[in-house]
Amino acid sequence: IEYIRSVYYNKVEYARFSSSLGKYVGFTEFGLKQADYWNSDAAYLAQEKAAKETYCLTTVDIDHRNI
């Protein structure tokens, strides 16, 4: 299971957090700066990594039973 959080502005994705990478990746000039900023904050990255357990791992059994 992979948790992905995409960040958009004006319908353009400028940054994305991927739980498999464990960090943010920027796609635009602004996104690269934001990704560097977010990646430098260990507490914020830990919060994003914990989101995988909060959102994905708690509901995966329910989703599989409903399929």
N, C-alpha and C. Protein backbone atom coordinates (compact mmCIF):
# COMPACT_ATOMS: atom_id res chain seq x y z
N ILE A 1 0.86 -1.17 0.00
CA ILE A 1 0.00 0.00 0.00
C ILE A 1 0.90 1.22 0.00
N GLU A 2 0.51 2.19 -0.81
CA GLU A 2 1.28 3.44 -0.89
C GLU A 2 0.35 4.62 -0.63
N TYR A 3 0.79 5.52 0.21
CA TYR A 3 0.07 6.75 0.50
C TYR A 3 0.69 7.86 -0.34
N ILE A 4 -0.14 8.56 -1.11
CA ILE A 4 0.34 9.66 -1.94
C ILE A 4 -0.48 10.90 -1.62
N ARG A 5 0.20 12.00 -1.38
CA ARG A 5 -0.46 13.29 -1.16
C ARG A 5 0.06 14.25 -2.21
N SER A 6 -0.83 14.67 -3.10
CA SER A 6 -0.45 15.60 -4.16
C SER A 6 -0.91 17.00 -3.78
N VAL A 7 -0.10 17.99 -4.13
CA VAL A 7 -0.41 19.39 -3.82
C VAL A 7 -0.54 20.14 -5.15
N TYR A 8 -1.68 20.81 -5.32
CA TYR A 8 -2.00 21.49 -6.58
C TYR A 8 -2.20 22.98 -6.36
N TYR A 9 -1.94 23.74 -7.40
CA TYR A 9 -2.29 25.15 -7.48
C TYR A 9 -2.69 25.44 -8.91
N ASN A 10 -3.86 26.00 -9.10
CA ASN A 10 -4.41 26.28 -10.43
C ASN A 10 -4.41 25.02 -11.30
N LYS A 11 -4.84 23.91 -10.73
CA LYS A 11 -4.96 22.63 -11.42
C LYS A 11 -3.63 22.05 -11.89
N VAL A 12 -2.53 22.55 -11.38
CA VAL A 12 -1.20 22.04 -11.73
C VAL A 12 -0.58 21.43 -10.47
N GLU A 13 -0.19 20.17 -10.57
CA GLU A 13 0.46 19.51 -9.44
C GLU A 13 1.89 20.03 -9.34
N TYR A 14 2.21 20.61 -8.18
CA TYR A 14 3.57 21.14 -8.04
C TYR A 14 4.42 20.36 -7.06
N ALA A 15 3.81 19.50 -6.24
CA ALA A 15 4.59 18.68 -5.31
C ALA A 15 3.77 17.45 -4.94
N ARG A 16 4.50 16.39 -4.51
CA ARG A 16 3.84 15.14 -4.13
C ARG A 16 4.65 14.44 -3.06
N PHE A 17 3.93 13.95 -2.02
CA PHE A 17 4.55 13.10 -1.01
C PHE A 17 4.20 11.66 -1.35
N SER A 18 5.19 10.80 -1.34
CA SER A 18 4.99 9.38 -1.59
C SER A 18 5.53 8.61 -0.39
N SER A 19 4.70 7.74 0.18
CA SER A 19 5.16 6.99 1.34
C SER A 19 6.24 5.98 0.97
N SER A 20 6.30 5.56 -0.28
CA SER A 20 7.36 4.63 -0.67
C SER A 20 8.72 5.34 -0.74
N LEU A 21 8.72 6.61 -1.09
CA LEU A 21 9.97 7.39 -1.08
C LEU A 21 10.24 7.97 0.31
N GLY A 22 9.18 8.29 1.04
CA GLY A 22 9.32 8.87 2.36
C GLY A 22 9.68 10.33 2.34
N LYS A 23 9.41 11.00 1.22
CA LYS A 23 9.73 12.42 1.12
C LYS A 23 8.87 13.07 0.04
N TYR A 24 8.94 14.40 -0.01
CA TYR A 24 8.25 15.16 -1.04
C TYR A 24 9.13 15.29 -2.28
N VAL A 25 8.49 15.33 -3.43
CA VAL A 25 9.17 15.56 -4.70
C VAL A 25 8.47 16.74 -5.37
N GLY A 26 9.25 17.70 -5.86
CA GLY A 26 8.69 18.86 -6.54
C GLY A 26 8.71 18.68 -8.05
N PHE A 27 7.71 19.28 -8.71
CA PHE A 27 7.60 19.17 -10.16
C PHE A 27 7.76 20.51 -10.88
N THR A 28 7.59 21.60 -10.16
CA THR A 28 7.78 22.94 -10.73
C THR A 28 8.87 23.64 -9.92
N GLU A 29 9.25 24.83 -10.35
CA GLU A 29 10.28 25.58 -9.62
C GLU A 29 9.82 25.85 -8.19
N PHE A 30 8.57 26.29 -8.04
CA PHE A 30 8.02 26.53 -6.71
C PHE A 30 7.90 25.22 -5.93
N GLY A 31 7.49 24.16 -6.61
CA GLY A 31 7.34 22.86 -5.97
C GLY A 31 8.65 22.30 -5.46
N LEU A 32 9.73 22.53 -6.18
CA LEU A 32 11.05 22.09 -5.72
C LEU A 32 11.45 22.80 -4.43
N LYS A 33 11.16 24.10 -4.36
CA LYS A 33 11.48 24.86 -3.15
C LYS A 33 10.63 24.38 -1.97
N GLN A 34 9.34 24.16 -2.22
CA GLN A 34 8.45 23.69 -1.16
C GLN A 34 8.85 22.29 -0.70
N ALA A 35 9.21 21.42 -1.64
CA ALA A 35 9.61 20.06 -1.29
C ALA A 35 10.87 20.08 -0.42
N ASP A 36 11.83 20.93 -0.76
CA ASP A 36 13.03 21.05 0.06
C ASP A 36 12.69 21.53 1.47
N TYR A 37 11.78 22.48 1.55
CA TYR A 37 11.36 23.02 2.85
C TYR A 37 10.68 21.94 3.68
N TRP A 38 9.72 21.23 3.08
CA TRP A 38 8.99 20.19 3.81
C TRP A 38 9.90 19.03 4.18
N ASN A 39 10.81 18.66 3.30
CA ASN A 39 11.73 17.55 3.58
C ASN A 39 12.73 17.88 4.67
N SER A 40 12.98 19.16 4.91
CA SER A 40 13.93 19.55 5.95
C SER A 40 13.30 19.50 7.35
N ASP A 41 11.99 19.37 7.43
CA ASP A 41 11.28 19.33 8.71
C ASP A 41 10.96 17.88 9.07
N ALA A 42 11.75 17.29 9.97
CA ALA A 42 11.60 15.88 10.32
C ALA A 42 10.24 15.58 10.96
N ALA A 43 9.73 16.51 11.75
CA ALA A 43 8.43 16.30 12.40
C ALA A 43 7.31 16.26 11.36
N TYR A 44 7.39 17.12 10.37
CA TYR A 44 6.36 17.14 9.32
C TYR A 44 6.41 15.86 8.48
N LEU A 45 7.60 15.38 8.16
CA LEU A 45 7.73 14.13 7.41
C LEU A 45 7.21 12.95 8.23
N ALA A 46 7.45 12.95 9.52
CA ALA A 46 6.94 11.87 10.38
C ALA A 46 5.41 11.89 10.39
N GLN A 47 4.83 13.07 10.37
CA GLN A 47 3.37 13.20 10.32
C GLN A 47 2.82 12.64 9.02
N GLU A 48 3.48 12.92 7.92
CA GLU A 48 3.04 12.41 6.62
C GLU A 48 3.20 10.90 6.54
N LYS A 49 4.29 10.38 7.10
CA LYS A 49 4.51 8.93 7.10
C LYS A 49 3.46 8.23 7.96
N ALA A 50 3.04 8.86 9.06
CA ALA A 50 2.01 8.29 9.92
C ALA A 50 0.65 8.30 9.24
N ALA A 51 0.45 9.15 8.27
CA ALA A 51 -0.83 9.22 7.56
C ALA A 51 -1.13 7.92 6.82
N LYS A 52 -0.09 7.22 6.41
CA LYS A 52 -0.30 5.93 5.74
C LYS A 52 -1.02 4.97 6.67
N GLU A 53 -0.57 4.91 7.92
CA GLU A 53 -1.22 4.03 8.88
C GLU A 53 -2.62 4.53 9.22
N THR A 54 -2.79 5.84 9.31
CA THR A 54 -4.07 6.41 9.68
C THR A 54 -5.12 6.19 8.60
N TYR A 55 -4.77 6.48 7.36
CA TYR A 55 -5.75 6.44 6.27
C TYR A 55 -5.79 5.11 5.54
N CYS A 56 -4.67 4.50 5.32
CA CYS A 56 -4.62 3.31 4.47
C CYS A 56 -4.77 2.01 5.23
N LEU A 57 -3.91 1.81 6.20
CA LEU A 57 -3.86 0.51 6.86
C LEU A 57 -5.10 0.22 7.70
N THR A 58 -5.81 1.27 8.15
CA THR A 58 -7.01 1.05 8.95
C THR A 58 -8.21 0.67 8.09
N THR A 59 -8.20 1.03 6.82
CA THR A 59 -9.36 0.76 5.97
C THR A 59 -9.11 -0.30 4.90
N VAL A 60 -7.91 -0.81 4.79
CA VAL A 60 -7.60 -1.76 3.73
C VAL A 60 -8.43 -3.03 3.88
N ASP A 61 -8.63 -3.51 5.10
CA ASP A 61 -9.44 -4.71 5.29
C ASP A 61 -10.89 -4.49 4.88
N ILE A 62 -11.41 -3.31 5.19
CA ILE A 62 -12.79 -2.99 4.82
C ILE A 62 -12.92 -2.93 3.31
N ASP A 63 -11.97 -2.31 2.64
CA ASP A 63 -12.01 -2.20 1.18
C ASP A 63 -11.93 -3.57 0.52
N HIS A 64 -11.09 -4.45 1.02
CA HIS A 64 -10.94 -5.77 0.44
C HIS A 64 -12.19 -6.62 0.64
N ARG A 65 -12.85 -6.46 1.79
CA ARG A 65 -14.09 -7.21 2.02
C ARG A 65 -15.21 -6.73 1.10
N ASN A 66 -15.22 -5.46 0.76
CA ASN A 66 -16.28 -4.91 -0.07
C ASN A 66 -16.08 -5.18 -1.56
N ILE A 67 -14.89 -5.59 -1.94
CA ILE A 67 -14.63 -5.86 -3.36
C ILE A 67 -15.18 -7.14 -3.73
